[in-house]
């Protein structure tokens, strides 16, 4: 069961997936501010958030 999944809005690449909750700024810092797949600039302001119940 994974409580957190962070996906690039541009290409849908999974930036982070795991049981440990990580703050968005830490995930952005891991990738130096851009998606490693499509190079889209990552932002701290979420534009599309989807929350689903854990299964």
Protein backbone atom coordinates (compact mmCIF):
# COMPACT_ATOMS: atom_id res chain seq x y z
CA UNK A 1 0.00 0.00 0.00
CA UNK A 2 1.47 3.34 -1.08
CA UNK A 3 0.11 6.43 0.65
CA UNK A 4 1.83 8.92 -1.68
CA UNK A 5 2.40 9.13 -5.42
CA UNK A 6 3.66 12.30 -7.09
CA UNK A 7 3.30 12.47 -10.88
CA UNK A 8 4.57 15.01 -13.42
CA UNK A 9 1.65 16.98 -14.82
CA UNK A 10 3.32 17.17 -18.23
CA UNK A 11 4.21 13.56 -19.03
CA UNK A 12 2.69 11.59 -16.11
CA UNK A 13 6.12 10.27 -15.07
CA UNK A 14 6.09 9.04 -11.45
CA UNK A 15 8.40 11.37 -9.53
CA UNK A 16 7.86 9.72 -6.17
CA UNK A 17 5.94 6.70 -4.94
CA UNK A 18 6.29 5.33 -1.45
CA UNK A 19 4.99 4.61 2.00
CA UNK A 20 6.85 7.57 3.52
CA UNK A 21 5.14 10.93 3.04
CA UNK A 22 7.57 13.46 1.57
CA UNK A 23 7.06 17.21 1.33
CA UNK A 24 6.75 18.58 -2.23
CA UNK A 25 9.85 20.77 -1.90
CA UNK A 26 11.97 17.71 -1.07
CA UNK A 27 10.72 15.88 -4.17
CA UNK A 28 11.36 18.93 -6.36
CA UNK A 29 14.88 19.23 -4.91
CA UNK A 30 15.56 15.53 -5.72
CA UNK A 31 15.07 16.38 -9.41
CA UNK A 32 16.69 19.84 -9.35
CA UNK A 33 13.37 21.51 -10.16
CA UNK A 34 12.47 19.71 -13.39
CA UNK A 35 11.00 16.41 -14.49
CA UNK A 36 13.75 13.96 -15.48
CA UNK A 37 11.64 12.63 -18.36
CA UNK A 38 10.14 15.72 -20.07
CA UNK A 39 12.13 18.57 -18.40
CA UNK A 40 8.93 20.40 -17.36
CA UNK A 41 9.58 22.83 -14.50
CA UNK A 42 8.22 21.43 -11.24
CA UNK A 43 6.22 23.76 -9.03
CA UNK A 44 5.32 23.80 -5.33
CA UNK A 45 1.80 24.88 -6.30
CA UNK A 46 -0.22 21.80 -7.26
CA UNK A 47 -2.49 22.37 -10.23
CA UNK A 48 -4.19 18.99 -10.30
CA UNK A 49 -4.54 17.06 -7.06
CA UNK A 50 -6.37 13.76 -6.89
CA UNK A 51 -6.97 12.05 -3.57
CA UNK A 52 -8.08 8.44 -3.60
CA UNK A 53 -8.85 6.10 -0.69
CA UNK A 54 -6.25 3.46 0.11
CA UNK A 55 -7.18 -0.07 -0.89
